[in-house]
Amino acid sequence: MAYTETTSKSWFQRVRESFGGVLTGIILIVIGTWLLWWNEERTFKTAGAIGEAELVTQDVQNISRLDPSLEGKVIHAMGRADTKDIIRDDLFGVSVNAIKLERKAEYYQWVEHERRETRKKLGGGEETVTTYTYRSEWTNEPVDSQNFKDSSYRDKNTIIAKIEDMNVWAQNVTFGAYTLSDSLKHGIGGAQPMTLESVDMNSLAGIVRVRKSETLKKLITVSGSTVYIGRNPSSPQIGDVRVTFRQTPPADVSIIAQVLRNTFEDYRASNGYTFSRLAMGSVGMRAMFDSARSENTFMAWVLRIVGILCVCFGINLIFKPLSVIADVIPFLGTIIGAGAGFVSFVLGFAWSLVVIAVAWLRFRPLIAICLIAAALALIAISYMKGRKASV
């Protein structure tokens, strides 16, 4: 059943809030500008570190014995990431010979969902209708139901046990005659569901809330890779917990890293940036470097988009009071808001291009000049449109 709440804001309240948002807009512009500048420096230096590492990397075919001549050198090698360690989850009494053991807990809870509809009113006021609905579902964390809007759902969430997620790594992971560093070890993927046979009831007795009429044994169900803590796995009740276990077994990997005695470390380029890489399976040196470049380019564009959006949204917040003031006549406020949004995008995009161009001036002058020209063109277009609108 849905719960509906209606709230109203007067025109004066909206105007006051919009002017308050101007400071937030300025902060967003500063953050976006810094992000754009830092990202271009990061992208360039990361590319430099990748290229420098590629020039000094040598392909090593045999890693079955330690080779003193490789000390301090950057190598590419393919082999088996293996371990003899037995890693253990003491709470559940689960152990396995693997590189990594993962424990993930989920809770069956009531979750509040909200949907908002806002309508402008003549005179500049605003009415917001918020509809709250409630569904029981599995969540990664317990949900606090004390502040649910619908009082009939408040304080309905309980949990039968609070269990933290956990990752346990093998201490010693070998790669031929060498030992993988933590940074390389943590890059090994291929996790698989772990088949469980039993769990330690004595350990769980200290954290599972058991009613007087029940026994812990009746509340624990082990099936495949999952431990279900509750009365009936096929019909979950609020407060039930399910815990899933996965293991990362030994696997074939390929690495690029600098040799340090019997292990490896990141290669530090002359610009201060570091580089090392692990890929699953047998992957050639050229393919690994190409993949590293592709990831660097992808991350550069992601951060550029985020930075541009921060700047554009920040400028839009600065212009927001104009549309709110015009909302005395709703359709007029909508028109001005649309215009302000367009201008915010143009100015924000232009400013972002200037920041990117200035950042690249020392690295790629030709690209920087083209970006500045594009930014000036956008500003000119925005100015011309503004002149036409004012005529």
Protein backbone atom coordinates (compact mmCIF):
# COMPACT_ATOMS: atom_id res chain seq x y z
CA MET A 1 0.00 0.00 0.00
CA ALA A 2 1.34 3.44 -0.98
CA TYR A 3 1.75 6.34 1.41
CA THR A 4 1.45 9.86 -0.05
CA GLU A 5 2.86 13.09 1.34
CA THR A 6 2.22 16.54 -0.14
CA THR A 7 4.50 19.47 0.59
CA SER A 8 4.38 23.06 -0.64
CA LYS A 9 6.91 25.86 -1.03
CA SER A 10 6.05 29.50 -1.47
CA TRP A 11 7.65 31.62 -4.15
CA PHE A 12 9.73 33.45 -1.51
CA GLN A 13 11.04 30.12 -0.13
CA ARG A 14 12.03 28.95 -3.60
CA VAL A 15 13.78 32.22 -4.39
CA ARG A 16 15.72 32.07 -1.09
CA GLU A 17 16.76 28.44 -1.76
CA SER A 18 17.81 29.24 -5.33
CA PHE A 19 20.12 32.02 -4.14
CA GLY A 20 21.50 29.59 -1.56
CA GLY A 21 22.27 27.21 -4.42
CA VAL A 22 24.55 29.80 -6.04
CA LEU A 23 27.32 28.95 -3.54
CA THR A 24 26.88 25.25 -4.31
CA GLY A 25 27.17 26.11 -8.00
CA ILE A 26 30.45 27.95 -7.46
CA ILE A 27 31.83 24.99 -5.50
CA LEU A 28 30.81 22.59 -8.30
CA ILE A 29 32.55 24.78 -10.88
CA VAL A 30 35.74 24.78 -8.80
CA ILE A 31 35.58 20.99 -8.30
CA GLY A 32 34.86 20.36 -11.99
CA THR A 33 37.70 22.67 -13.07
CA TRP A 34 40.18 20.98 -10.72
CA LEU A 35 39.04 17.52 -11.87
CA LEU A 36 39.48 18.42 -15.55
CA TRP A 37 42.96 19.83 -14.94
CA TRP A 38 44.08 16.93 -12.75
CA ASN A 39 42.66 14.36 -15.16
CA GLU A 40 44.65 15.70 -18.11
CA GLU A 41 47.84 15.62 -16.06
CA ARG A 42 47.00 12.10 -14.84
CA THR A 43 46.22 10.88 -18.35
CA PHE A 44 49.43 12.27 -19.82
CA LYS A 45 51.68 11.01 -17.04
CA THR A 46 50.01 7.58 -16.96
CA ALA A 47 50.53 7.29 -20.72
CA GLY A 48 54.15 8.32 -20.22
CA ALA A 49 54.68 5.69 -17.53
CA ILE A 50 53.12 3.00 -19.75
CA GLY A 51 55.30 3.97 -22.70
CA GLU A 52 58.45 4.15 -20.58
CA ALA A 53 57.71 0.76 -19.02
CA GLU A 54 57.17 -0.76 -22.46
CA LEU A 55 60.59 0.42 -23.63
CA VAL A 56 62.42 -1.34 -20.78
CA THR A 57 60.27 -4.49 -20.40
CA GLN A 58 61.81 -7.77 -21.47
CA ASP A 59 59.98 -11.01 -22.13
CA VAL A 60 60.97 -13.84 -19.78
CA GLN A 61 60.04 -17.37 -20.80
CA ASN A 62 61.30 -19.34 -17.81
CA ILE A 63 60.30 -18.38 -14.25
CA SER A 64 60.90 -21.81 -12.70
CA ARG A 65 64.08 -20.58 -11.01
CA LEU A 66 65.30 -17.30 -9.56
CA ASP A 67 67.50 -15.39 -11.99
CA PRO A 68 69.83 -12.85 -10.30
CA SER A 69 70.43 -11.15 -13.67
CA LEU A 70 66.76 -9.98 -13.68
CA GLU A 71 67.12 -8.02 -10.43
CA GLY A 72 65.67 -4.52 -10.90
CA LYS A 73 64.46 -5.22 -14.42
CA VAL A 74 60.90 -4.95 -15.69
CA ILE A 75 59.72 -8.26 -17.07
CA HIS A 76 56.73 -9.77 -18.82
CA ALA A 77 56.09 -13.38 -17.87
CA MET A 78 53.35 -15.97 -18.02
CA GLY A 79 52.84 -18.70 -15.45
CA ARG A 80 50.76 -20.25 -12.70
CA ALA A 81 49.64 -18.22 -9.69
CA ASP A 82 49.53 -20.95 -7.03
CA THR A 83 49.40 -21.32 -3.28
CA LYS A 84 49.62 -24.01 -0.64
CA ASP A 85 48.07 -21.81 2.03
CA ILE A 86 44.84 -22.83 3.76
CA ILE A 87 42.79 -19.71 4.38
CA ARG A 88 39.99 -19.72 6.93
CA ASP A 89 36.85 -17.92 8.01
CA ASP A 90 36.93 -18.42 11.78
CA LEU A 91 33.35 -17.28 12.35
CA PHE A 92 31.82 -19.95 10.13
CA GLY A 93 34.62 -22.47 10.47
CA VAL A 94 35.12 -22.57 6.71
CA SER A 95 38.55 -23.23 5.22
CA VAL A 96 39.90 -23.74 1.71
CA ASN A 97 43.12 -23.99 -0.24
CA ALA A 98 42.72 -20.92 -2.43
CA ILE A 99 44.17 -17.53 -3.25
CA LYS A 100 41.16 -15.67 -1.88
CA LEU A 101 38.12 -16.46 0.27
CA GLU A 102 35.13 -14.09 0.08
CA ARG A 103 32.19 -13.83 2.47
CA LYS A 104 29.19 -11.68 1.56
CA ALA A 105 26.11 -11.22 3.75
CA GLU A 106 22.63 -10.09 2.66
CA TYR A 107 19.62 -9.17 4.79
CA TYR A 108 15.91 -9.56 4.06
CA GLN A 109 14.45 -6.14 4.86
CA TRP A 110 11.62 -3.74 4.22
CA VAL A 111 12.89 -1.05 1.82
CA GLU A 112 11.28 2.36 1.32
CA HIS A 113 11.04 3.62 -2.26
CA GLU A 114 9.92 7.10 -3.16
CA ARG A 115 8.63 8.78 -6.31
CA ARG A 116 8.23 12.56 -6.58
CA GLU A 117 6.05 14.70 -8.79
CA THR A 118 6.49 18.47 -8.66
CA ARG A 119 3.98 20.96 -10.01
CA LYS A 120 4.40 24.71 -10.32
CA LYS A 121 1.55 26.94 -9.19
CA LEU A 122 0.50 30.37 -10.34
CA GLY A 123 2.32 32.95 -8.25
CA GLY A 124 5.62 31.04 -8.20
CA GLY A 125 4.78 28.46 -5.54
CA GLU A 126 5.54 24.79 -5.94
CA GLU A 127 3.75 21.65 -4.79
CA THR A 128 5.50 18.30 -4.47
CA VAL A 129 3.62 15.02 -4.14
CA THR A 130 5.83 12.20 -2.85
CA THR A 131 4.59 8.63 -3.00
CA TYR A 132 6.28 6.09 -0.71
CA THR A 133 6.00 2.38 -1.39
CA TYR A 134 7.48 -0.50 0.59
CA ARG A 135 8.88 -3.82 -0.60
CA SER A 136 10.64 -6.63 1.19
CA GLU A 137 13.91 -7.47 -0.57
CA TRP A 138 17.49 -8.60 -0.05
CA THR A 139 19.90 -5.78 0.83
CA ASN A 140 23.66 -5.54 1.37
CA GLU A 141 23.21 -3.81 4.74
CA PRO A 142 20.49 -3.75 7.42
CA VAL A 143 17.92 -1.02 6.74
CA ASP A 144 16.97 1.40 9.52
CA SER A 145 13.17 1.57 9.45
CA GLN A 146 12.79 4.04 12.33
CA ASN A 147 12.38 6.99 9.98
CA PHE A 148 10.07 5.39 7.41
CA LYS A 149 7.37 7.86 6.39
CA ASP A 150 4.56 5.33 6.77
CA SER A 151 4.23 4.70 10.51
CA SER A 152 2.81 1.22 9.88
CA TYR A 153 6.25 0.14 8.58
CA ARG A 154 8.38 1.86 11.21
CA ASP A 155 10.56 -0.35 13.41
CA LYS A 156 9.54 -3.43 11.43
CA ASN A 157 13.05 -4.26 10.32
CA THR A 158 15.02 -6.64 12.49
CA ILE A 159 18.01 -8.86 11.81
CA ILE A 160 18.65 -12.30 13.18
CA ALA A 161 22.44 -11.71 13.02
CA LYS A 162 24.85 -8.97 11.93
CA ILE A 163 27.62 -10.41 9.80
CA GLU A 164 30.34 -8.35 8.16
CA ASP A 165 31.54 -8.97 4.62
CA MET A 166 35.09 -10.30 4.54
CA ASN A 167 37.92 -11.06 2.12
CA VAL A 168 40.81 -13.29 3.21
CA TRP A 169 43.93 -13.57 1.04
CA ALA A 170 46.55 -16.27 1.03
CA GLN A 171 49.83 -14.94 2.42
CA ASN A 172 52.04 -16.78 -0.05
CA VAL A 173 51.06 -16.89 -3.72
CA THR A 174 53.82 -18.26 -5.91
CA PHE A 175 54.56 -17.48 -9.55
CA GLY A 176 57.10 -20.04 -10.61
CA ALA A 177 60.09 -19.52 -8.29
CA TYR A 178 58.85 -16.05 -7.37
CA THR A 179 56.22 -14.75 -4.94
CA LEU A 180 53.54 -12.33 -6.11
CA SER A 181 53.33 -8.95 -4.37
CA ASP A 182 50.04 -7.93 -2.73
CA SER A 183 49.16 -5.52 -5.54
CA LEU A 184 49.54 -8.26 -8.17
CA LYS A 185 47.89 -10.88 -5.98
CA HIS A 186 44.82 -8.70 -5.51
CA GLY A 187 44.41 -8.45 -9.28
CA ILE A 188 43.75 -12.17 -9.66
CA GLY A 189 40.14 -12.84 -10.64
CA GLY A 190 38.10 -15.91 -11.48
CA ALA A 191 36.22 -16.26 -8.18
CA GLN A 192 33.91 -19.29 -8.03
CA PRO A 193 31.10 -20.37 -5.70
CA MET A 194 32.49 -22.47 -2.87
CA THR A 195 30.76 -25.72 -1.96
CA LEU A 196 30.16 -25.89 1.79
CA GLU A 197 29.65 -29.03 3.82
CA SER A 198 29.08 -27.62 7.30
CA VAL A 199 29.67 -24.59 9.52
CA ASP A 200 30.83 -24.04 13.08
CA MET A 201 27.62 -23.88 15.16
CA ASN A 202 29.46 -23.01 18.37
CA SER A 203 30.99 -19.90 16.86
CA LEU A 204 27.68 -18.76 15.34
CA ALA A 205 25.86 -19.26 18.63
CA GLY A 206 27.39 -16.05 19.92
CA ILE A 207 25.88 -13.81 17.22
CA VAL A 208 22.61 -15.45 16.08
CA ARG A 209 19.51 -14.38 17.99
CA VAL A 210 17.62 -17.54 18.88
CA ARG A 211 14.15 -17.63 20.40
CA LYS A 212 13.59 -19.82 23.44
CA SER A 213 11.32 -22.15 21.46
CA GLU A 214 13.94 -22.69 18.72
CA THR A 215 17.39 -24.19 18.39
CA LEU A 216 20.32 -22.79 16.41
CA LYS A 217 20.46 -25.95 14.33
CA LYS A 218 16.95 -25.30 13.01
CA LEU A 219 17.91 -21.80 11.95
CA ILE A 220 21.04 -22.73 9.96
CA THR A 221 20.69 -24.20 6.47
CA VAL A 222 23.77 -24.96 4.38
CA SER A 223 23.17 -25.33 0.65
CA GLY A 224 25.88 -25.15 -2.00
CA SER A 225 27.83 -21.93 -1.42
CA THR A 226 25.20 -20.33 0.84
CA VAL A 227 24.53 -20.41 4.56
CA TYR A 228 20.93 -19.37 5.26
CA ILE A 229 20.13 -18.09 8.74
CA GLY A 230 16.39 -18.13 9.14
CA ARG A 231 13.39 -20.40 9.55
CA ASN A 232 12.61 -21.25 5.92
CA PRO A 233 14.95 -20.51 2.97
CA SER A 234 12.09 -20.95 0.48
CA SER A 235 9.97 -18.35 2.30
CA PRO A 236 12.23 -15.59 3.66
CA GLN A 237 11.07 -13.54 6.62
CA ILE A 238 12.14 -10.03 7.64
CA GLY A 239 15.44 -10.32 9.50
CA ASP A 240 16.69 -13.47 7.76
CA VAL A 241 20.30 -13.48 6.60
CA ARG A 242 22.00 -15.34 3.79
CA VAL A 243 25.77 -15.57 3.55
CA THR A 244 27.49 -16.54 0.32
CA PHE A 245 31.04 -17.85 0.04
CA ARG A 246 33.31 -17.71 -3.00
CA GLN A 247 36.88 -18.81 -3.57
CA THR A 248 39.52 -17.76 -6.07
CA PRO A 249 41.46 -20.87 -7.08
CA PRO A 250 45.00 -20.96 -8.52
CA ALA A 251 45.06 -19.82 -12.13
CA ASP A 252 47.30 -19.03 -15.09
CA VAL A 253 48.22 -15.33 -15.20
CA SER A 254 50.47 -12.94 -17.08
CA ILE A 255 52.31 -10.10 -15.36
CA ILE A 256 54.39 -7.03 -16.10
CA ALA A 257 56.33 -5.83 -13.07
CA GLN A 258 59.80 -5.00 -11.77
CA VAL A 259 61.77 -7.82 -10.16
CA LEU A 260 62.70 -7.28 -6.51
CA ARG A 261 64.73 -10.24 -5.23
CA ASN A 262 62.19 -13.12 -5.15
CA THR A 263 59.10 -10.98 -5.65
CA PHE A 264 57.91 -7.97 -7.67
CA GLU A 265 57.14 -4.29 -7.25
CA ASP A 266 55.61 -1.52 -9.36
CA TYR A 267 57.90 0.07 -11.93
CA ARG A 268 58.39 3.77 -11.12
CA ALA A 269 58.72 5.94 -14.21
CA SER A 270 60.82 9.09 -14.40
CA ASN A 271 57.67 11.23 -14.00
CA GLY A 272 56.93 9.60 -10.63
CA TYR A 273 53.98 7.48 -11.81
CA THR A 274 54.08 3.73 -11.24
CA PHE A 275 53.07 0.83 -13.46
CA SER A 276 52.50 -2.89 -13.08
CA ARG A 277 49.87 -5.15 -14.53
CA LEU A 278 48.33 -8.59 -14.15
CA ALA A 279 46.06 -10.26 -16.70
CA MET A 280 44.22 -13.55 -16.42
CA GLY A 281 45.45 -16.31 -18.71
CA SER A 282 48.33 -16.24 -21.16
CA VAL A 283 48.45 -12.73 -22.60
CA GLY A 284 51.29 -11.36 -24.71
CA MET A 285 53.30 -8.31 -23.74
CA ARG A 286 52.01 -6.11 -26.58
CA ALA A 287 48.39 -6.99 -25.79
CA MET A 288 48.88 -6.12 -22.11
CA PHE A 289 50.35 -2.70 -22.92
CA ASP A 290 47.59 -2.03 -25.49
CA SER A 291 45.00 -2.91 -22.84
CA ALA A 292 46.66 -0.56 -20.35
CA ARG A 293 46.52 2.29 -22.87
CA SER A 294 42.87 1.58 -23.63
CA GLU A 295 41.98 1.67 -19.94
CA ASN A 296 43.84 4.95 -19.50
CA THR A 297 41.94 6.50 -22.42
CA PHE A 298 38.61 5.19 -21.16
CA MET A 299 39.22 6.59 -17.66
CA ALA A 300 40.28 9.92 -19.17
CA TRP A 301 36.97 10.28 -21.00
CA VAL A 302 34.93 9.20 -17.99
CA LEU A 303 36.58 11.85 -15.80
CA ARG A 304 36.27 14.47 -18.55
CA ILE A 305 32.53 13.87 -18.76
CA VAL A 306 32.20 14.03 -14.97
CA GLY A 307 34.18 17.27 -14.84
CA ILE A 308 32.17 18.89 -17.65
CA LEU A 309 28.88 17.92 -15.99
CA CYS A 310 30.05 19.42 -12.68
CA VAL A 311 30.89 22.71 -14.39
CA CYS A 312 27.65 22.82 -16.43
CA PHE A 313 25.47 21.96 -13.45
CA GLY A 314 27.30 24.52 -11.32
CA ILE A 315 26.67 27.29 -13.85
CA ASN A 316 23.03 26.22 -14.09
CA LEU A 317 22.69 26.62 -10.30
CA ILE A 318 24.08 30.14 -10.58
CA PHE A 319 21.41 30.98 -13.19
CA LYS A 320 18.66 29.19 -11.24
CA PRO A 321 17.33 32.31 -9.44
CA LEU A 322 16.36 33.81 -12.81
CA SER A 323 13.95 31.00 -13.68
CA VAL A 324 12.59 30.82 -10.12
CA ILE A 325 11.86 34.56 -10.07
CA ALA A 326 10.12 34.22 -13.45
CA ASP A 327 8.03 31.32 -12.11
CA VAL A 328 5.48 33.86 -10.89
CA ILE A 329 4.06 33.01 -14.32
CA PRO A 330 4.88 29.27 -14.59
CA PHE A 331 5.26 29.01 -18.37
CA LEU A 332 7.58 32.03 -18.39
CA GLY A 333 9.79 30.42 -15.74
CA THR A 334 9.89 27.22 -17.81
CA ILE A 335 11.03 29.12 -20.91
CA ILE A 336 13.71 31.03 -19.02
CA GLY A 337 14.81 27.83 -17.28
CA ALA A 338 15.23 26.07 -20.64
CA GLY A 339 17.23 28.99 -21.98
CA ALA A 340 19.39 29.12 -18.88
CA GLY A 341 20.00 25.39 -19.18
CA PHE A 342 21.18 25.77 -22.78
CA VAL A 343 23.44 28.70 -21.92
CA SER A 344 24.81 26.79 -18.90
CA PHE A 345 25.71 23.84 -21.12
CA VAL A 346 27.38 26.03 -23.75
CA LEU A 347 29.35 28.08 -21.21
CA GLY A 348 30.22 25.03 -19.13
CA PHE A 349 31.39 23.08 -22.16
CA ALA A 350 33.37 26.06 -23.43
CA TRP A 351 35.04 26.61 -20.05
CA SER A 352 35.86 22.90 -19.84
CA LEU A 353 37.49 22.98 -23.27
CA VAL A 354 39.61 25.96 -22.20
CA VAL A 355 40.74 24.17 -19.03
CA ILE A 356 41.59 21.01 -20.97
CA ALA A 357 43.38 23.04 -23.64
CA VAL A 358 45.47 24.99 -21.13
CA ALA A 359 46.38 21.72 -19.40
CA TRP A 360 47.59 20.30 -22.69
CA LEU A 361 49.43 23.43 -23.90
CA ARG A 362 52.77 22.21 -22.62
CA PHE A 363 52.21 18.67 -23.94
CA ARG A 364 50.36 18.98 -27.27
CA PRO A 365 50.19 22.61 -28.37
CA LEU A 366 48.36 21.89 -31.66
CA ILE A 367 45.49 20.05 -29.93
CA ALA A 368 45.32 22.80 -27.28
CA ILE A 369 44.98 25.51 -29.93
CA CYS A 370 42.15 23.59 -31.64
CA LEU A 371 40.31 23.18 -28.33
CA ILE A 372 40.63 26.88 -27.50
CA ALA A 373 39.28 27.75 -30.97
CA ALA A 374 36.30 25.44 -30.41
CA ALA A 375 35.64 27.04 -27.01
CA LEU A 376 35.69 30.53 -28.50
CA ALA A 377 33.28 29.41 -31.21
CA LEU A 378 30.85 28.09 -28.59
CA ILE A 379 31.03 31.35 -26.66
CA ALA A 380 30.40 33.31 -29.87
CA ILE A 381 27.36 31.14 -30.68
CA SER A 382 25.98 31.67 -27.18
CA TYR A 383 26.52 35.44 -27.48
CA MET A 384 24.80 35.63 -30.87
CA LYS A 385 21.80 33.67 -29.62
CA GLY A 386 21.57 35.98 -26.64
CA ARG A 387 21.62 39.02 -28.94
CA LYS A 388 18.85 37.58 -31.09
CA ALA A 389 16.73 36.76 -28.04
CA SER A 390 17.05 40.30 -26.74
CA VAL A 391 15.99 41.88 -30.03
